[in-house]
Amino acid sequence: MSSESTAGPARGATMTLTFRVRLLTLMIGDDLQETPGERDIGALITAGMRNRSTGEHATCVLHSFSANAKSLPGPYKNSVLAEVAHQQAYLPGFEGKCKEDWQISMVGDAVLGVDFVYASTGIQTAHSEVKVFGGPNSSFFRRYHVEKGIELILSRPDGIDRSSLLAIRNKLPGVAGLMQRDKCVGVAGEPWYRRFVSLDDV
């Protein structure tokens, strides 16, 4: 069953839209040797889940978009090819003010997009662990141990809003009415992250 997130600056959210750019990826194997990973730009839509029997919380990947055909179909076998446009700029004359525009298009039609302007205040380091399901195999999951940098832009539960513009465009069937500006609980940037991925439950 679906559930709300219960912790963090976006607590109360039932779905998450994540845009990502992988400019540099290094894969570290069991032998601790580094090998280059793929470059990618795309987006994910995820939802929180809770097991009725055990009470365990997890995440489910509902939709995945990538501009790199080599990334398809992805680990959860549900990633689709899309055109991804991303612009990022620091606004002249406004110290610390940033502007970002994202757009996901399929067959020439924009289905997802976010435009926002915010005041940059610094990056904090955070750690998390999450179990993620998704795709046609309902029993398949990966467990992520993550260290990442976070720049908090908006947190309605904590009364934080560093944005001066936030516009969301969503024409994706099934979730268009759910992910709108007035329903947004939190916004954060993650300029870097490291993660350890395992396929078991340890």
Protein backbone atom coordinates (compact mmCIF):
# COMPACT_ATOMS: atom_id res chain seq x y z
CA MET A 1 0.00 0.00 0.00
CA SER A 2 1.13 3.58 -0.57
CA SER A 3 2.25 5.71 2.36
CA GLU A 4 3.49 9.18 3.22
CA SER A 5 7.11 9.86 4.10
CA THR A 6 7.37 10.21 7.86
CA ALA A 7 10.73 11.95 8.26
CA GLY A 8 12.87 14.66 6.69
CA PRO A 9 12.04 18.07 5.21
CA ALA A 10 9.53 16.54 2.73
CA ARG A 11 7.66 14.46 5.30
CA GLY A 12 4.04 13.99 4.34
CA ALA A 13 4.83 13.54 0.64
CA THR A 14 3.36 10.50 -1.12
CA MET A 15 5.27 10.85 -4.41
CA THR A 16 8.67 12.23 -5.44
CA LEU A 17 9.79 13.65 -8.79
CA THR A 18 13.58 13.49 -9.18
CA PHE A 19 15.52 15.01 -12.08
CA ARG A 20 19.09 13.77 -12.41
CA VAL A 21 22.29 14.46 -14.33
CA ARG A 22 25.12 11.94 -14.16
CA LEU A 23 28.17 13.75 -15.47
CA LEU A 24 30.66 11.47 -13.75
CA THR A 25 29.96 7.93 -12.55
CA LEU A 26 32.52 5.58 -11.04
CA MET A 27 31.63 1.98 -10.28
CA ILE A 28 33.57 0.28 -7.49
CA GLY A 29 33.42 -3.53 -7.51
CA ASP A 30 34.12 -6.11 -4.82
CA ASP A 31 37.81 -5.88 -5.75
CA LEU A 32 37.68 -2.11 -4.92
CA GLN A 33 38.74 -1.26 -8.48
CA GLU A 34 37.10 1.77 -10.11
CA THR A 35 35.59 1.55 -13.59
CA PRO A 36 33.82 4.39 -15.46
CA GLY A 37 30.02 4.26 -15.45
CA GLU A 38 27.53 5.66 -17.93
CA ARG A 39 26.65 9.31 -18.37
CA ASP A 40 22.94 9.96 -18.17
CA ILE A 41 20.26 12.62 -17.80
CA GLY A 42 16.66 11.85 -16.98
CA ALA A 43 13.96 11.72 -14.33
CA LEU A 44 12.27 9.36 -11.87
CA ILE A 45 8.85 9.29 -10.26
CA THR A 46 8.75 7.30 -7.04
CA ALA A 47 6.17 6.63 -4.34
CA GLY A 48 6.40 5.59 -0.73
CA MET A 49 5.15 2.12 0.22
CA ARG A 50 4.37 0.31 3.48
CA ASN A 51 4.02 -3.42 3.98
CA ARG A 52 0.68 -4.05 5.74
CA SER A 53 1.98 -7.19 7.45
CA THR A 54 5.37 -6.00 8.69
CA GLY A 55 4.99 -2.21 8.71
CA GLU A 56 8.22 -1.89 6.69
CA HIS A 57 8.59 1.29 4.60
CA ALA A 58 10.13 1.23 1.12
CA THR A 59 10.14 3.13 -2.18
CA CYS A 60 8.70 2.09 -5.54
CA VAL A 61 9.92 3.41 -8.93
CA LEU A 62 6.71 4.16 -10.89
CA HIS A 63 8.21 5.87 -13.95
CA SER A 64 11.77 6.30 -15.22
CA PHE A 65 12.96 8.45 -18.13
CA SER A 66 16.43 8.57 -19.70
CA ALA A 67 18.00 10.33 -22.67
CA ASN A 68 20.65 7.61 -22.93
CA ALA A 69 19.42 4.58 -24.88
CA LYS A 70 22.22 2.50 -23.33
CA SER A 71 20.60 3.00 -19.91
CA LEU A 72 17.38 1.26 -20.94
CA PRO A 73 15.44 -0.48 -19.55
CA GLY A 74 17.32 0.17 -16.30
CA PRO A 75 17.57 -2.03 -13.19
CA TYR A 76 13.80 -2.01 -12.64
CA LYS A 77 13.00 -2.72 -16.32
CA ASN A 78 10.64 0.26 -16.62
CA SER A 79 12.84 3.08 -17.96
CA VAL A 80 11.81 4.65 -21.29
CA LEU A 81 13.67 6.84 -23.76
CA ALA A 82 12.90 10.55 -23.58
CA GLU A 83 14.29 13.91 -24.65
CA VAL A 84 15.60 15.82 -21.65
CA ALA A 85 16.36 19.54 -21.56
CA HIS A 86 18.09 21.16 -18.59
CA GLN A 87 19.28 24.72 -18.05
CA GLN A 88 20.95 26.09 -14.94
CA ALA A 89 22.17 29.62 -14.32
CA TYR A 90 23.24 32.02 -11.60
CA LEU A 91 21.31 35.26 -11.95
CA PRO A 92 23.49 38.37 -12.39
CA GLY A 93 22.90 41.09 -9.85
CA PHE A 94 21.35 38.68 -7.33
CA GLU A 95 24.03 37.17 -5.11
CA GLY A 96 23.41 33.49 -4.50
CA LYS A 97 20.29 33.32 -6.68
CA CYS A 98 19.96 30.35 -9.03
CA LYS A 99 17.56 29.43 -11.81
CA GLU A 100 16.85 25.93 -13.13
CA ASP A 101 14.59 24.68 -15.90
CA TRP A 102 13.84 21.01 -16.61
CA GLN A 103 11.72 19.47 -19.36
CA ILE A 104 11.01 15.84 -20.24
CA SER A 105 9.52 15.25 -23.71
CA MET A 106 8.27 12.10 -25.41
CA VAL A 107 7.54 12.00 -29.15
CA GLY A 108 8.02 15.77 -29.22
CA ASP A 109 5.41 16.43 -26.52
CA ALA A 110 6.50 17.84 -23.16
CA VAL A 111 5.08 15.64 -20.41
CA LEU A 112 7.03 16.85 -17.36
CA GLY A 113 8.71 20.10 -16.49
CA VAL A 114 9.85 22.23 -13.57
CA ASP A 115 11.03 25.85 -13.54
CA PHE A 116 12.30 27.38 -10.32
CA VAL A 117 14.37 30.25 -8.96
CA TYR A 118 15.84 30.00 -5.49
CA ALA A 119 18.38 31.48 -3.11
CA SER A 120 21.39 29.22 -2.67
CA THR A 121 22.45 29.01 0.98
CA GLY A 122 24.88 26.10 1.16
CA ILE A 123 25.10 22.33 1.02
CA GLN A 124 24.80 19.89 3.90
CA THR A 125 25.84 16.25 3.99
CA ALA A 126 23.23 13.61 4.74
CA HIS A 127 23.12 9.82 4.99
CA SER A 128 20.20 7.53 4.24
CA GLU A 129 19.29 3.92 3.64
CA VAL A 130 16.35 2.92 1.47
CA LYS A 131 14.87 -0.24 -0.03
CA VAL A 132 13.58 0.35 -3.58
CA PHE A 133 11.17 -1.80 -5.60
CA GLY A 134 9.81 -1.20 -9.10
CA GLY A 135 9.00 -2.61 -12.52
CA PRO A 136 7.17 -5.75 -13.60
CA ASN A 137 8.80 -8.02 -10.99
CA SER A 138 7.07 -7.08 -7.73
CA SER A 139 9.58 -9.01 -5.62
CA PHE A 140 12.74 -7.40 -7.08
CA PHE A 141 14.40 -4.68 -5.00
CA ARG A 142 17.72 -3.00 -4.45
CA ARG A 143 18.92 -1.58 -1.15
CA TYR A 144 20.77 1.75 -1.27
CA HIS A 145 23.15 3.10 1.37
CA VAL A 146 23.60 6.75 0.37
CA GLU A 147 25.82 9.66 1.32
CA LYS A 148 24.87 12.89 -0.46
CA GLY A 149 25.03 16.65 -0.45
CA ILE A 150 21.67 18.40 0.00
CA GLU A 151 20.68 22.01 -0.63
CA LEU A 152 17.24 22.56 0.89
CA ILE A 153 15.04 24.90 -1.15
CA LEU A 154 11.52 24.27 0.14
CA SER A 155 10.13 22.43 3.18
CA ARG A 156 6.52 23.15 4.01
CA PRO A 157 6.58 21.05 7.22
CA ASP A 158 9.54 23.10 8.51
CA GLY A 159 8.29 26.47 7.20
CA ILE A 160 11.28 26.94 4.84
CA ASP A 161 10.84 28.50 1.39
CA ARG A 162 13.87 29.86 -0.44
CA SER A 163 12.15 29.82 -3.83
CA SER A 164 10.90 32.92 -5.62
CA LEU A 165 9.49 30.91 -8.54
CA LEU A 166 8.24 27.32 -8.71
CA ALA A 167 6.25 26.17 -11.73
CA ILE A 168 5.40 22.52 -12.40
CA ARG A 169 4.12 21.17 -15.72
CA ASN A 170 2.74 17.63 -15.67
CA LYS A 171 0.76 15.91 -18.41
CA LEU A 172 1.82 12.38 -17.52
CA PRO A 173 -1.19 10.02 -17.53
CA GLY A 174 -2.14 8.76 -14.10
CA VAL A 175 -0.21 11.31 -12.03
CA ALA A 176 -0.97 14.63 -13.75
CA GLY A 177 -3.43 15.65 -11.06
CA LEU A 178 -1.22 14.55 -8.18
CA MET A 179 2.02 16.42 -8.84
CA GLN A 180 1.08 20.10 -8.96
CA ARG A 181 2.45 23.33 -7.47
CA ASP A 182 -0.10 23.58 -4.68
CA LYS A 183 0.57 19.98 -3.61
CA CYS A 184 4.36 20.33 -3.44
CA VAL A 185 5.71 19.52 0.04
CA GLY A 186 9.45 19.97 -0.48
CA VAL A 187 12.20 20.78 -3.00
CA ALA A 188 15.92 20.01 -2.63
CA GLY A 189 19.01 19.92 -4.82
CA GLU A 190 21.55 17.11 -4.52
CA PRO A 191 24.74 18.20 -6.32
CA TRP A 192 26.59 14.97 -5.50
CA TYR A 193 26.01 11.56 -4.02
CA ARG A 194 27.75 8.28 -3.30
CA ARG A 195 25.83 5.06 -2.91
CA PHE A 196 26.43 1.43 -2.11
CA VAL A 197 23.92 -0.82 -3.86
CA SER A 198 23.10 -4.36 -2.74
CA LEU A 199 20.61 -6.90 -4.06
CA ASP A 200 20.09 -8.72 -0.76
CA ASP A 201 18.30 -7.73 2.41
CA VAL A 202 21.28 -7.22 4.67
